N, C-alpha and C. Protein backbone atom coordinates (compact mmCIF):
# COMPACT_ATOMS: atom_id res chain seq x y z
N MET A 1 9.88 26.44 -18.39
CA MET A 1 9.05 25.26 -18.31
C MET A 1 8.60 24.99 -16.87
N LEU A 2 9.49 25.12 -15.91
CA LEU A 2 9.11 24.86 -14.53
C LEU A 2 8.03 25.81 -14.03
N LYS A 3 7.98 27.01 -14.58
CA LYS A 3 6.98 27.97 -14.15
C LYS A 3 5.56 27.43 -14.32
N GLN A 4 5.32 26.71 -15.40
CA GLN A 4 3.98 26.17 -15.63
C GLN A 4 3.60 25.12 -14.59
N PHE A 5 4.58 24.53 -13.92
CA PHE A 5 4.31 23.52 -12.90
C PHE A 5 4.34 24.07 -11.48
N SER A 6 4.70 25.32 -11.31
CA SER A 6 4.86 25.89 -9.97
C SER A 6 3.64 25.69 -9.08
N ASP A 7 2.45 25.99 -9.60
CA ASP A 7 1.24 25.84 -8.79
C ASP A 7 0.99 24.37 -8.46
N LEU A 8 1.26 23.49 -9.41
CA LEU A 8 1.08 22.06 -9.16
C LEU A 8 2.05 21.56 -8.09
N PHE A 9 3.31 21.98 -8.17
CA PHE A 9 4.30 21.60 -7.16
C PHE A 9 3.86 22.11 -5.78
N ARG A 10 3.48 23.38 -5.73
CA ARG A 10 3.07 23.98 -4.47
C ARG A 10 1.86 23.24 -3.90
N GLY A 11 0.89 22.92 -4.75
CA GLY A 11 -0.30 22.20 -4.29
C GLY A 11 0.03 20.83 -3.73
N LEU A 12 0.95 20.12 -4.41
CA LEU A 12 1.34 18.79 -3.95
C LEU A 12 2.04 18.89 -2.59
N PHE A 13 3.00 19.82 -2.47
CA PHE A 13 3.72 19.95 -1.20
C PHE A 13 2.82 20.45 -0.08
N GLU A 14 1.88 21.35 -0.40
CA GLU A 14 0.92 21.80 0.60
C GLU A 14 0.05 20.63 1.06
N ALA A 15 -0.40 19.82 0.13
CA ALA A 15 -1.21 18.65 0.49
C ALA A 15 -0.42 17.70 1.39
N LEU A 16 0.82 17.40 1.00
CA LEU A 16 1.63 16.46 1.78
C LEU A 16 2.09 17.04 3.11
N SER A 17 1.98 18.36 3.28
CA SER A 17 2.37 18.95 4.57
C SER A 17 1.29 18.73 5.64
N ASP A 18 0.11 18.33 5.22
CA ASP A 18 -0.98 18.04 6.15
C ASP A 18 -0.73 16.67 6.78
N GLU A 19 -0.69 16.62 8.10
CA GLU A 19 -0.42 15.37 8.83
C GLU A 19 -1.37 14.25 8.43
N TYR A 20 -2.64 14.55 8.27
CA TYR A 20 -3.61 13.52 7.94
C TYR A 20 -3.48 13.06 6.49
N VAL A 21 -3.11 13.96 5.61
CA VAL A 21 -2.89 13.59 4.21
C VAL A 21 -1.69 12.65 4.12
N MET A 22 -0.63 12.97 4.85
CA MET A 22 0.57 12.13 4.80
C MET A 22 0.28 10.73 5.36
N LYS A 23 -0.45 10.66 6.47
CA LYS A 23 -0.84 9.36 7.02
C LYS A 23 -1.67 8.58 6.01
N SER A 24 -2.59 9.27 5.36
CA SER A 24 -3.46 8.64 4.37
C SER A 24 -2.66 8.18 3.16
N PHE A 25 -1.71 9.01 2.74
CA PHE A 25 -0.84 8.66 1.62
C PHE A 25 -0.13 7.34 1.89
N TYR A 26 0.49 7.22 3.06
CA TYR A 26 1.18 5.98 3.42
C TYR A 26 0.20 4.80 3.50
N ALA A 27 -0.98 5.04 4.07
CA ALA A 27 -1.97 3.97 4.18
C ALA A 27 -2.43 3.49 2.81
N ILE A 28 -2.72 4.42 1.92
CA ILE A 28 -3.19 4.06 0.57
C ILE A 28 -2.09 3.35 -0.21
N TYR A 29 -0.87 3.84 -0.10
CA TYR A 29 0.23 3.23 -0.85
C TYR A 29 0.69 1.91 -0.25
N SER A 30 0.20 1.56 0.92
CA SER A 30 0.52 0.25 1.49
C SER A 30 -0.46 -0.82 0.99
N LYS A 31 -1.49 -0.39 0.27
CA LYS A 31 -2.51 -1.29 -0.27
C LYS A 31 -2.17 -1.66 -1.71
N PRO A 32 -2.85 -2.70 -2.23
CA PRO A 32 -2.64 -3.07 -3.64
C PRO A 32 -3.09 -1.95 -4.59
N GLN A 33 -2.53 -1.96 -5.79
CA GLN A 33 -2.91 -1.01 -6.84
C GLN A 33 -4.42 -1.07 -7.05
N ARG A 34 -5.04 0.07 -7.33
CA ARG A 34 -6.48 0.19 -7.58
C ARG A 34 -7.33 -0.18 -6.35
N TYR A 35 -6.79 0.00 -5.17
CA TYR A 35 -7.50 -0.23 -3.92
C TYR A 35 -8.73 0.68 -3.88
N THR A 36 -9.91 0.11 -3.57
CA THR A 36 -11.15 0.87 -3.50
C THR A 36 -11.61 0.93 -2.05
N PHE A 37 -12.00 2.12 -1.62
CA PHE A 37 -12.33 2.32 -0.20
C PHE A 37 -13.33 3.46 -0.04
N GLU A 38 -13.91 3.53 1.14
CA GLU A 38 -14.77 4.65 1.50
C GLU A 38 -13.99 5.55 2.44
N LYS A 39 -14.29 6.83 2.40
CA LYS A 39 -13.52 7.78 3.20
C LYS A 39 -13.63 7.49 4.70
N GLU A 40 -14.75 6.96 5.12
CA GLU A 40 -14.93 6.65 6.54
C GLU A 40 -13.95 5.57 7.01
N VAL A 41 -13.67 4.62 6.12
CA VAL A 41 -12.71 3.55 6.44
C VAL A 41 -11.31 4.13 6.57
N LEU A 42 -10.95 5.01 5.64
CA LEU A 42 -9.64 5.66 5.70
C LEU A 42 -9.53 6.53 6.95
N ALA A 43 -10.59 7.25 7.27
CA ALA A 43 -10.59 8.11 8.46
C ALA A 43 -10.34 7.29 9.72
N LYS A 44 -10.99 6.13 9.81
CA LYS A 44 -10.80 5.27 10.97
C LYS A 44 -9.38 4.72 11.02
N GLU A 45 -8.88 4.25 9.87
CA GLU A 45 -7.54 3.67 9.81
C GLU A 45 -6.45 4.69 10.16
N CYS A 46 -6.68 5.95 9.79
CA CYS A 46 -5.64 6.98 9.97
C CYS A 46 -5.96 7.96 11.10
N ASP A 47 -6.99 7.67 11.89
CA ASP A 47 -7.39 8.54 13.00
C ASP A 47 -7.66 9.98 12.56
N ILE A 48 -8.39 10.12 11.47
CA ILE A 48 -8.73 11.44 10.95
C ILE A 48 -10.08 11.85 11.53
N PRO A 49 -10.16 13.01 12.17
CA PRO A 49 -11.44 13.46 12.73
C PRO A 49 -12.49 13.64 11.63
N ASP A 50 -13.74 13.40 11.99
CA ASP A 50 -14.85 13.51 11.03
C ASP A 50 -14.89 14.86 10.34
N ASP A 51 -14.56 15.94 11.07
CA ASP A 51 -14.64 17.27 10.48
C ASP A 51 -13.46 17.59 9.55
N LYS A 52 -12.50 16.68 9.42
CA LYS A 52 -11.33 16.90 8.55
C LYS A 52 -11.30 15.98 7.33
N ILE A 53 -12.07 14.91 7.33
CA ILE A 53 -11.93 13.90 6.28
C ILE A 53 -12.26 14.45 4.88
N ASP A 54 -13.24 15.33 4.75
CA ASP A 54 -13.56 15.86 3.42
C ASP A 54 -12.41 16.69 2.86
N VAL A 55 -11.77 17.48 3.70
CA VAL A 55 -10.60 18.27 3.27
C VAL A 55 -9.46 17.35 2.87
N VAL A 56 -9.24 16.30 3.65
CA VAL A 56 -8.19 15.33 3.34
C VAL A 56 -8.46 14.67 2.00
N MET A 57 -9.69 14.26 1.77
CA MET A 57 -10.02 13.59 0.50
C MET A 57 -9.83 14.54 -0.68
N GLU A 58 -10.15 15.80 -0.50
CA GLU A 58 -9.93 16.78 -1.57
C GLU A 58 -8.44 16.90 -1.87
N LYS A 59 -7.61 16.92 -0.83
CA LYS A 59 -6.16 17.03 -1.03
C LYS A 59 -5.56 15.75 -1.61
N LEU A 60 -6.24 14.62 -1.43
CA LEU A 60 -5.74 13.34 -1.94
C LEU A 60 -6.18 13.05 -3.37
N LYS A 61 -6.83 14.01 -4.02
CA LYS A 61 -7.35 13.74 -5.36
C LYS A 61 -6.26 13.40 -6.36
N PHE A 62 -5.00 13.69 -6.03
CA PHE A 62 -3.91 13.33 -6.94
C PHE A 62 -3.60 11.84 -6.90
N ILE A 63 -4.13 11.12 -5.89
CA ILE A 63 -3.92 9.66 -5.84
C ILE A 63 -5.21 8.87 -5.61
N ALA A 64 -6.34 9.54 -5.45
CA ALA A 64 -7.60 8.82 -5.20
C ALA A 64 -8.74 9.48 -5.98
N THR A 65 -9.36 8.71 -6.87
CA THR A 65 -10.45 9.20 -7.70
C THR A 65 -11.78 8.74 -7.10
N SER A 66 -12.73 9.68 -6.99
CA SER A 66 -14.03 9.33 -6.42
C SER A 66 -15.03 8.96 -7.51
N ARG A 67 -16.01 8.15 -7.13
CA ARG A 67 -17.12 7.83 -8.02
C ARG A 67 -18.30 7.38 -7.16
N GLU A 68 -19.48 7.55 -7.72
CA GLU A 68 -20.71 7.15 -7.04
C GLU A 68 -21.05 5.71 -7.43
N VAL A 69 -21.43 4.92 -6.45
CA VAL A 69 -21.92 3.56 -6.70
C VAL A 69 -23.21 3.37 -5.92
N THR A 70 -24.03 2.44 -6.38
CA THR A 70 -25.26 2.12 -5.67
C THR A 70 -25.12 0.71 -5.11
N ILE A 71 -25.25 0.59 -3.80
CA ILE A 71 -25.16 -0.70 -3.11
C ILE A 71 -26.46 -0.89 -2.34
N ASN A 72 -27.18 -1.97 -2.65
CA ASN A 72 -28.47 -2.25 -2.02
C ASN A 72 -29.40 -1.04 -2.08
N GLY A 73 -29.41 -0.37 -3.23
CA GLY A 73 -30.30 0.77 -3.43
C GLY A 73 -29.82 2.06 -2.79
N GLU A 74 -28.67 2.04 -2.15
CA GLU A 74 -28.15 3.23 -1.48
C GLU A 74 -26.94 3.77 -2.24
N LYS A 75 -26.98 5.07 -2.56
CA LYS A 75 -25.84 5.70 -3.25
C LYS A 75 -24.73 5.95 -2.24
N ARG A 76 -23.52 5.57 -2.66
CA ARG A 76 -22.34 5.77 -1.81
C ARG A 76 -21.21 6.29 -2.67
N THR A 77 -20.30 7.01 -2.04
CA THR A 77 -19.10 7.48 -2.73
C THR A 77 -17.94 6.59 -2.33
N VAL A 78 -17.27 6.06 -3.33
CA VAL A 78 -16.07 5.25 -3.08
C VAL A 78 -14.90 5.91 -3.80
N TYR A 79 -13.72 5.59 -3.34
CA TYR A 79 -12.49 6.14 -3.91
C TYR A 79 -11.62 4.98 -4.37
N THR A 80 -10.96 5.17 -5.49
CA THR A 80 -10.03 4.17 -6.01
C THR A 80 -8.65 4.81 -6.09
N SER A 81 -7.67 4.10 -5.56
CA SER A 81 -6.31 4.65 -5.58
C SER A 81 -5.73 4.61 -6.98
N ASN A 82 -4.98 5.64 -7.29
CA ASN A 82 -4.24 5.75 -8.55
C ASN A 82 -2.77 5.84 -8.17
N GLN A 83 -2.22 4.74 -7.73
CA GLN A 83 -0.86 4.76 -7.23
C GLN A 83 0.11 4.98 -8.39
N ARG A 84 0.89 6.02 -8.28
CA ARG A 84 1.77 6.44 -9.35
C ARG A 84 3.23 6.19 -8.96
N HIS A 85 3.93 5.42 -9.77
CA HIS A 85 5.33 5.15 -9.48
C HIS A 85 6.18 6.42 -9.59
N GLU A 86 5.73 7.38 -10.40
CA GLU A 86 6.48 8.63 -10.55
C GLU A 86 6.51 9.40 -9.23
N LEU A 87 5.41 9.35 -8.49
CA LEU A 87 5.36 10.05 -7.21
C LEU A 87 6.31 9.40 -6.20
N ILE A 88 6.33 8.09 -6.17
CA ILE A 88 7.26 7.39 -5.28
C ILE A 88 8.69 7.74 -5.67
N ALA A 89 9.00 7.75 -6.96
CA ALA A 89 10.35 8.10 -7.41
C ALA A 89 10.72 9.52 -6.96
N ALA A 90 9.78 10.45 -7.08
CA ALA A 90 10.06 11.83 -6.65
C ALA A 90 10.33 11.90 -5.16
N LEU A 91 9.55 11.16 -4.37
CA LEU A 91 9.76 11.16 -2.92
C LEU A 91 11.08 10.49 -2.54
N VAL A 92 11.45 9.47 -3.29
CA VAL A 92 12.74 8.82 -3.05
C VAL A 92 13.87 9.82 -3.31
N LEU A 93 13.76 10.58 -4.40
CA LEU A 93 14.77 11.60 -4.68
C LEU A 93 14.83 12.65 -3.57
N LEU A 94 13.67 13.04 -3.06
CA LEU A 94 13.66 14.00 -1.94
C LEU A 94 14.28 13.40 -0.69
N THR A 95 14.05 12.10 -0.46
CA THR A 95 14.68 11.43 0.68
C THR A 95 16.19 11.53 0.56
N GLU A 96 16.71 11.27 -0.63
CA GLU A 96 18.14 11.38 -0.88
C GLU A 96 18.63 12.81 -0.67
N PHE A 97 17.82 13.77 -1.06
CA PHE A 97 18.17 15.18 -0.87
C PHE A 97 18.38 15.46 0.61
N PHE A 98 17.46 14.98 1.45
CA PHE A 98 17.58 15.24 2.88
C PHE A 98 18.75 14.49 3.50
N TYR A 99 19.04 13.28 2.99
CA TYR A 99 20.24 12.59 3.45
C TYR A 99 21.47 13.41 3.11
N ALA A 100 21.51 13.94 1.90
CA ALA A 100 22.69 14.69 1.45
C ALA A 100 22.89 15.97 2.25
N ILE A 101 21.81 16.72 2.54
CA ILE A 101 21.99 17.97 3.27
C ILE A 101 22.26 17.72 4.75
N SER A 102 21.98 16.52 5.24
CA SER A 102 22.29 16.21 6.63
C SER A 102 23.73 15.72 6.76
N GLY A 103 24.42 15.61 5.62
CA GLY A 103 25.82 15.18 5.65
C GLY A 103 26.00 13.68 5.68
N MET A 104 24.89 12.93 5.56
CA MET A 104 24.98 11.47 5.66
C MET A 104 25.51 10.83 4.38
N ALA A 105 25.00 11.25 3.25
CA ALA A 105 25.42 10.63 1.99
C ALA A 105 24.84 11.41 0.83
N GLY A 106 25.30 11.13 -0.35
CA GLY A 106 24.76 11.75 -1.55
C GLY A 106 23.87 10.78 -2.29
N TYR A 107 23.22 11.26 -3.31
CA TYR A 107 22.30 10.45 -4.10
C TYR A 107 23.09 9.51 -5.02
N THR A 108 22.59 8.30 -5.17
CA THR A 108 23.18 7.38 -6.13
C THR A 108 22.05 6.68 -6.89
N LEU A 109 22.20 6.56 -8.19
CA LEU A 109 21.22 5.85 -9.00
C LEU A 109 21.41 4.34 -8.90
N GLN A 110 22.57 3.90 -8.49
CA GLN A 110 22.88 2.48 -8.47
C GLN A 110 22.31 1.83 -7.22
N VAL A 111 21.25 1.10 -7.40
CA VAL A 111 20.56 0.47 -6.28
C VAL A 111 21.48 -0.48 -5.51
N CYS A 112 22.34 -1.17 -6.22
CA CYS A 112 23.20 -2.15 -5.55
C CYS A 112 24.17 -1.49 -4.59
N ARG A 113 24.39 -0.19 -4.70
CA ARG A 113 25.31 0.50 -3.80
C ARG A 113 24.61 1.08 -2.59
N ARG A 114 23.29 0.98 -2.52
CA ARG A 114 22.55 1.55 -1.39
C ARG A 114 22.84 0.79 -0.11
N SER A 115 23.06 1.53 0.95
CA SER A 115 23.27 0.89 2.25
C SER A 115 22.21 1.31 3.25
N LYS A 116 21.19 2.05 2.80
CA LYS A 116 20.12 2.49 3.68
C LYS A 116 18.78 2.33 2.98
N SER A 117 17.73 2.18 3.76
CA SER A 117 16.41 2.02 3.16
C SER A 117 15.91 3.37 2.66
N TYR A 118 15.03 3.35 1.66
CA TYR A 118 14.47 4.58 1.15
C TYR A 118 13.56 5.24 2.18
N PHE A 119 12.76 4.48 2.86
CA PHE A 119 11.85 5.00 3.88
C PHE A 119 12.02 4.16 5.13
N SER A 120 12.08 4.84 6.26
CA SER A 120 12.17 4.07 7.52
C SER A 120 11.25 4.65 8.55
């Protein structure tokens, strides 16, 4: 079963390995659900060079859907975030993995026993 997801896993990790994608991921996930934005705004917020923003947006398609809109007679592309709780859960599990291999602690499902933040 995992074999069918191998390419998807690899694509996700490759996307998140890009510094600008990771910055954008945090920026988008800090906004309300269904946040709508233009890529130029994200580029400015995350200091993404103009020649990299299209590649970043392509890699972010797992959390941002594009669509064309017309504003004052001008066609523009906007993106809407698709914030997925499953992705956050997966990253939280990976955070625990890195804590465990660093010798700090093991994973626990019991939130009340946590003594460290998930992300810092």
